[in-house]
C-alpha atoms as a PDB file:
ATOM      1  CA  MET A   1     130.803   9.956 244.597  1.00  0.00           C
ATOM      2  CA  THR A   2     134.389  11.124 244.665  1.00  0.00           C
ATOM      3  CA  VAL A   3     136.880  10.310 247.384  1.00  0.00           C
ATOM      4  CA  THR A   4     139.186  13.217 248.163  1.00  0.00           C
ATOM      5  CA  VAL A   5     142.445  12.863 250.046  1.00  0.00           C
ATOM      6  CA  ASP A   6     144.732  15.759 250.882  1.00  0.00           C
ATOM      7  CA  SER A   7     147.858  15.337 248.758  1.00  0.00           C
ATOM      8  CA  THR A   8     150.303  16.296 251.530  1.00  0.00           C
ATOM      9  CA  ASP A   9     148.818  13.741 253.937  1.00  0.00           C
ATOM     10  CA  PHE A  10     148.823  11.125 251.211  1.00  0.00           C
ATOM     11  CA  ALA A  11     152.463  11.891 250.317  1.00  0.00           C
ATOM     12  CA  ARG A  12     153.535  11.541 253.974  1.00  0.00           C
ATOM     13  CA  LEU A  13     151.594   8.300 254.315  1.00  0.00           C
ATOM     14  CA  SER A  14     153.064   6.988 251.070  1.00  0.00           C
ATOM     15  CA  ASP A  15     156.624   7.808 252.190  1.00  0.00           C
ATOM     16  CA  ALA A  16     156.091   6.141 255.561  1.00  0.00           C
ATOM     17  CA  PHE A  17     154.519   3.111 253.884  1.00  0.00           C
ATOM     18  CA  ALA A  18     157.519   2.822 251.532  1.00  0.00           C
ATOM     19  CA  GLN A  19     159.877   2.667 254.541  1.00  0.00           C
ATOM     20  CA  LEU A  20     158.278  -0.554 255.749  1.00  0.00           C
ATOM     21  CA  PRO A  21     159.569  -3.968 254.690  1.00  0.00           C
ATOM     22  CA  ALA A  22     157.344  -5.877 252.234  1.00  0.00           C
ATOM     23  CA  LYS A  23     156.078  -8.322 254.884  1.00  0.00           C
ATOM     24  CA  MET A  24     154.979  -5.497 257.169  1.00  0.00           C
ATOM     25  CA  ARG A  25     153.261  -3.711 254.266  1.00  0.00           C
ATOM     26  CA  GLU A  26     151.225  -6.846 253.606  1.00  0.00           C
ATOM     27  CA  GLN A  27     150.247  -6.983 257.283  1.00  0.00           C
ATOM     28  CA  VAL A  28     149.179  -3.336 257.316  1.00  0.00           C
ATOM     29  CA  VAL A  29     147.047  -3.694 254.195  1.00  0.00           C
ATOM     30  CA  GLY A  30     145.594  -7.014 255.380  1.00  0.00           C
ATOM     31  CA  ARG A  31     144.541  -5.570 258.724  1.00  0.00           C
ATOM     32  CA  ALA A  32     143.041  -2.481 257.103  1.00  0.00           C
ATOM     33  CA  MET A  33     141.114  -4.641 254.602  1.00  0.00           C
ATOM     34  CA  GLY A  34     139.830  -6.873 257.406  1.00  0.00           C
ATOM     35  CA  ARG A  35     138.607  -3.898 259.423  1.00  0.00           C
ATOM     36  CA  SER A  36     137.048  -2.313 256.356  1.00  0.00           C
ATOM     37  CA  ARG A  37     135.337  -5.602 255.568  1.00  0.00           C
ATOM     38  CA  SER A  38     133.501  -5.701 258.881  1.00  0.00           C
ATOM     39  CA  VAL A  39     132.519  -2.034 258.553  1.00  0.00           C
ATOM     40  CA  VAL A  40     131.225  -2.558 254.992  1.00  0.00           C
ATOM     41  CA  GLU A  41     129.165  -5.603 256.024  1.00  0.00           C
ATOM     42  CA  ARG A  42     127.664  -3.881 259.045  1.00  0.00           C
ATOM     43  CA  THR A  43     126.950  -0.604 257.254  1.00  0.00           C
ATOM     44  CA  TYR A  44     125.411  -2.302 254.217  1.00  0.00           C
ATOM     45  CA  ALA A  45     123.180  -4.450 256.434  1.00  0.00           C
ATOM     46  CA  GLN A  46     122.044  -1.388 258.409  1.00  0.00           C
ATOM     47  CA  LEU A  47     121.354   0.694 255.304  1.00  0.00           C
ATOM     48  CA  ALA A  48     119.547  -2.035 253.349  1.00  0.00           C
ATOM     49  CA  SER A  49     117.573  -3.050 256.434  1.00  0.00           C
ATOM     50  CA  ALA A  50     116.306   0.484 256.920  1.00  0.00           C
ATOM     51  CA  ARG A  51     115.439   0.906 253.243  1.00  0.00           C
ATOM     52  CA  ILE A  52     113.472  -2.345 252.740  1.00  0.00           C
ATOM     53  CA  ASP A  53     112.069  -2.753 256.290  1.00  0.00           C
ATOM     54  CA  VAL A  54     113.469  -6.141 257.254  1.00  0.00           C
ATOM     55  CA  ALA A  55     115.754  -7.273 260.062  1.00  0.00           C
ATOM     56  CA  GLN A  56     119.510  -7.160 259.434  1.00  0.00           C
ATOM     57  CA  LYS A  57     119.829 -10.908 260.016  1.00  0.00           C
ATOM     58  CA  HIS A  58     117.927 -11.610 256.774  1.00  0.00           C
ATOM     59  CA  ILE A  59     120.314  -9.424 254.797  1.00  0.00           C
ATOM     60  CA  LYS A  60     123.466 -10.787 256.446  1.00  0.00           C
ATOM     61  CA  ALA A  61     122.329 -14.338 255.675  1.00  0.00           C
ATOM     62  CA  ARG A  62     122.358 -13.499 251.948  1.00  0.00           C
ATOM     63  CA  MET A  63     125.672 -11.644 252.003  1.00  0.00           C
ATOM     64  CA  ARG A  64     129.226 -12.894 251.492  1.00  0.00           C
ATOM     65  CA  THR A  65     132.478 -10.916 251.477  1.00  0.00           C
ATOM     66  CA  ARG A  66     135.786 -12.070 250.031  1.00  0.00           C
ATOM     67  CA  ILE A  67     139.191 -10.400 250.251  1.00  0.00           C
ATOM     68  CA  THR A  68     141.927 -11.143 247.705  1.00  0.00           C
ATOM     69  CA  ASP A  69     145.394  -9.620 247.391  1.00  0.00           C
ATOM     70  CA  ASP A  70     144.213  -6.259 246.104  1.00  0.00           C
ATOM     71  CA  THR A  71     140.410  -6.276 246.128  1.00  0.00           C
ATOM     72  CA  MET A  72     137.468  -6.768 248.432  1.00  0.00           C
ATOM     73  CA  GLU A  73     134.240  -8.159 246.974  1.00  0.00           C
ATOM     74  CA  MET A  74     130.861  -8.129 248.663  1.00  0.00           C
ATOM     75  CA  ILE A  75     128.317 -10.424 247.055  1.00  0.00           C
ATOM     76  CA  VAL A  76     124.646 -10.163 247.982  1.00  0.00           C
ATOM     77  CA  ARG A  77     122.633 -13.127 246.779  1.00  0.00           C
ATOM     78  CA  SER A  78     119.759 -12.046 244.577  1.00  0.00           C
ATOM     79  CA  ALA A  79     117.075 -14.085 246.285  1.00  0.00           C
ATOM     80  CA  GLN A  80     113.820 -12.842 247.687  1.00  0.00           C
ATOM     81  CA  ILE A  81     113.136 -13.499 251.348  1.00  0.00           C
ATOM     82  CA  PRO A  82     110.307 -16.012 251.892  1.00  0.00           C
ATOM     83  CA  LEU A  83     107.442 -14.570 253.929  1.00  0.00           C
ATOM     84  CA  LYS A  84     107.776 -17.412 256.404  1.00  0.00           C
ATOM     85  CA  GLU A  85     111.207 -16.041 257.421  1.00  0.00           C
ATOM     86  CA  LEU A  86     109.658 -12.608 257.982  1.00  0.00           C
ATOM     87  CA  GLY A  87     107.222 -14.001 260.566  1.00  0.00           C
ATOM     88  CA  ALA A  88     104.115 -14.733 258.511  1.00  0.00           C
ATOM     89  CA  ARG A  89     101.116 -15.853 260.557  1.00  0.00           C
ATOM     90  CA  THR A  90      97.732 -17.202 259.589  1.00  0.00           C
ATOM     91  CA  THR A  91      94.685 -14.983 260.079  1.00  0.00           C
ATOM     92  CA  THR A  92      91.017 -15.573 259.308  1.00  0.00           C
ATOM     93  CA  ARG A  93      91.335 -13.947 255.889  1.00  0.00           C
ATOM     94  CA  GLY A  94      94.773 -15.122 254.839  1.00  0.00           C
ATOM     95  CA  VAL A  95      98.338 -14.464 255.961  1.00  0.00           C
ATOM     96  CA  ALA A  96      99.623 -11.361 257.765  1.00  0.00           C
ATOM     97  CA  VAL A  97     103.257 -10.237 257.962  1.00  0.00           C
ATOM     98  CA  THR A  98     104.524  -7.491 260.238  1.00  0.00           C
ATOM     99  CA  LEU A  99     105.562  -4.367 258.264  1.00  0.00           C
ATOM    100  CA  ARG A 100     104.339  -6.004 255.024  1.00  0.00           C
ATOM    101  CA  GLY A 101     100.570  -6.131 255.402  1.00  0.00           C
ATOM    102  CA  SER A 102      98.205  -9.012 254.721  1.00  0.00           C
ATOM    103  CA  TYR A 103      97.771 -11.380 251.795  1.00  0.00           C
ATOM    104  CA  ARG A 104      94.165 -12.459 251.224  1.00  0.00           C
ATOM    105  CA  ALA A 105      93.449 -16.103 250.414  1.00  0.00           C
ATOM    106  CA  ALA A 106      97.013 -17.098 251.307  1.00  0.00           C
ATOM    107  CA  PHE A 107      97.884 -19.909 253.684  1.00  0.00           C
ATOM    108  CA  ILE A 108     100.903 -21.313 255.485  1.00  0.00           C
ATOM    109  CA  ALA A 109     101.801 -24.860 254.491  1.00  0.00           C
ATOM    110  CA  LYS A 110     102.213 -27.227 257.424  1.00  0.00           C
ATOM    111  CA  GLY A 111     104.236 -30.377 257.737  1.00  0.00           C
ATOM    112  CA  LYS A 112     105.735 -31.866 254.611  1.00  0.00           C
ATOM    113  CA  VAL A 113     103.325 -30.320 252.160  1.00  0.00           C
ATOM    114  CA  MET A 114     105.298 -29.708 248.975  1.00  0.00           C
ATOM    115  CA  ARG A 115     108.515 -30.553 250.928  1.00  0.00           C
ATOM    116  CA  ARG A 116     108.848 -27.101 252.480  1.00  0.00           C
ATOM    117  CA  ARG A 117     107.152 -24.765 254.889  1.00  0.00           C
ATOM    118  CA  GLY A 118     106.158 -21.325 253.688  1.00  0.00           C
ATOM    119  CA  ALA A 119     103.379 -18.924 252.829  1.00  0.00           C
ATOM    120  CA  ASP A 120     101.490 -19.901 249.680  1.00  0.00           C
ATOM    121  CA  LYS A 121      98.561 -18.612 247.672  1.00  0.00           C
ATOM    122  CA  ASN A 122      96.052 -20.560 245.649  1.00  0.00           C
ATOM    123  CA  PRO A 123      94.970 -18.603 242.550  1.00  0.00           C
ATOM    124  CA  GLN A 124      91.265 -18.123 241.741  1.00  0.00           C
ATOM    125  CA  ALA A 125      91.080 -21.011 239.267  1.00  0.00           C
ATOM    126  CA  PRO A 126      91.447 -24.338 241.133  1.00  0.00           C
ATOM    127  CA  ARG A 127      93.383 -25.977 238.299  1.00  0.00           C
ATOM    128  CA  LEU A 128      96.293 -23.483 238.507  1.00  0.00           C
ATOM    129  CA  PRO A 129      99.323 -24.366 240.646  1.00  0.00           C
ATOM    130  CA  ILE A 130      99.891 -22.976 244.100  1.00  0.00           C
ATOM    131  CA  LYS A 131     102.569 -20.271 244.199  1.00  0.00           C
ATOM    132  CA  GLN A 132     104.868 -19.408 247.062  1.00  0.00           C
ATOM    133  CA  LEU A 133     104.851 -15.826 248.359  1.00  0.00           C
ATOM    134  CA  PHE A 134     108.032 -13.843 248.942  1.00  0.00           C
ATOM    135  CA  GLY A 135     109.088 -10.570 250.515  1.00  0.00           C
ATOM    136  CA  PRO A 136     111.750  -8.101 249.351  1.00  0.00           C
ATOM    137  CA  ASN A 137     115.034  -8.806 247.567  1.00  0.00           C
ATOM    138  CA  PRO A 138     118.070  -7.241 249.355  1.00  0.00           C
ATOM    139  CA  ALA A 139     120.208  -7.293 246.184  1.00  0.00           C
ATOM    140  CA  GLY A 140     117.464  -5.614 244.166  1.00  0.00           C
ATOM    141  CA  GLU A 141     117.674  -2.553 246.387  1.00  0.00           C
ATOM    142  CA  VAL A 142     121.264  -1.942 245.246  1.00  0.00           C
ATOM    143  CA  GLU A 143     120.228  -2.170 241.593  1.00  0.00           C
ATOM    144  CA  ARG A 144     117.368   0.304 242.079  1.00  0.00           C
ATOM    145  CA  ASN A 145     119.391   2.912 244.035  1.00  0.00           C
ATOM    146  CA  PRO A 146     123.122   2.610 243.222  1.00  0.00           C
ATOM    147  CA  PRO A 147     124.127   6.190 244.218  1.00  0.00           C
ATOM    148  CA  VAL A 148     123.111   5.584 247.841  1.00  0.00           C
ATOM    149  CA  TYR A 149     125.362   2.547 248.142  1.00  0.00           C
ATOM    150  CA  GLU A 150     128.219   4.150 246.180  1.00  0.00           C
ATOM    151  CA  ASP A 151     128.199   7.039 248.655  1.00  0.00           C
ATOM    152  CA  MET A 152     128.310   4.565 251.547  1.00  0.00           C
ATOM    153  CA  LEU A 153     131.325   2.748 250.072  1.00  0.00           C
ATOM    154  CA  GLY A 154     133.101   6.041 249.329  1.00  0.00           C
ATOM    155  CA  GLU A 155     132.673   7.206 252.908  1.00  0.00           C
ATOM    156  CA  ILE A 156     134.059   3.920 254.217  1.00  0.00           C
ATOM    157  CA  ALA A 157     137.055   4.063 251.848  1.00  0.00           C
ATOM    158  CA  GLU A 158     137.809   7.650 252.815  1.00  0.00           C
ATOM    159  CA  GLY A 159     137.135   7.308 256.527  1.00  0.00           C
ATOM    160  CA  VAL A 160     137.887   3.792 257.694  1.00  0.00           C
ATOM    161  CA  PHE A 161     140.343   2.342 255.187  1.00  0.00           C
ATOM    162  CA  LEU A 162     142.749   5.289 255.007  1.00  0.00           C
ATOM    163  CA  THR A 163     142.590   5.766 258.784  1.00  0.00           C
ATOM    164  CA  GLU A 164     143.408   2.088 259.344  1.00  0.00           C
ATOM    165  CA  ILE A 165     146.301   2.267 256.872  1.00  0.00           C
ATOM    166  CA  ALA A 166     147.731   5.329 258.667  1.00  0.00           C
ATOM    167  CA  ARG A 167     147.319   3.709 262.083  1.00  0.00           C
ATOM    168  CA  GLY A 168     148.903   0.470 260.866  1.00  0.00           C
ATOM    169  CA  VAL A 169     151.880   2.282 259.331  1.00  0.00           C
ATOM    170  CA  ALA A 170     152.474   4.222 262.557  1.00  0.00           C
ATOM    171  CA  PHE A 171     152.276   1.001 264.577  1.00  0.00           C
ATOM    172  CA  MET A 172     154.710  -0.846 262.309  1.00  0.00           C
ATOM    173  CA  LEU A 173     157.171   2.069 262.214  1.00  0.00           C
ATOM    174  CA  ALA A 174     157.144   2.101 266.027  1.00  0.00           C
ATOM    175  CA  ARG A 175     157.925  -1.639 266.006  1.00  0.00           C
ATOM    176  CA  LEU A 176     160.878  -1.064 263.692  1.00  0.00           C
ATOM    177  CA  GLY A 177     162.287   1.403 266.181  1.00  0.00           C
END
């Protein structure tokens, strides 16, 4: 993914940005980064949600964004979503989860069994330990399909960030008089 910016527009924006005092430049960049942050979070949650068939709230709960002086980092925790969070319910043959199917011979632990509540499965041999069942991993989707997410970030950088910088520069120049 390549981000293309018209050189004449960029030169005009750069000249206008250079006219601003340092404090106002920091404000313009800070506001543009903040707006881009919310767009990145929302767009990533929508895209990942559609690709792995889970609600956006599960993805947002595993996501954290941090802005420093010159960078913005989005960290998605690499942790699978427990089936219990996806609405697992007990059936006569095991556990069923909407959009995920059914898991035969699985059960949902109740009370303080094993100090947590979740969907579990007992293997065929009774001496083997019980294992907890999980759904998809939101961070794993990025590792499997990086071009999709790179395109998304490129579109946001080209569309939202540069537009916010231009709008902020125009606003600050108007304040200067």
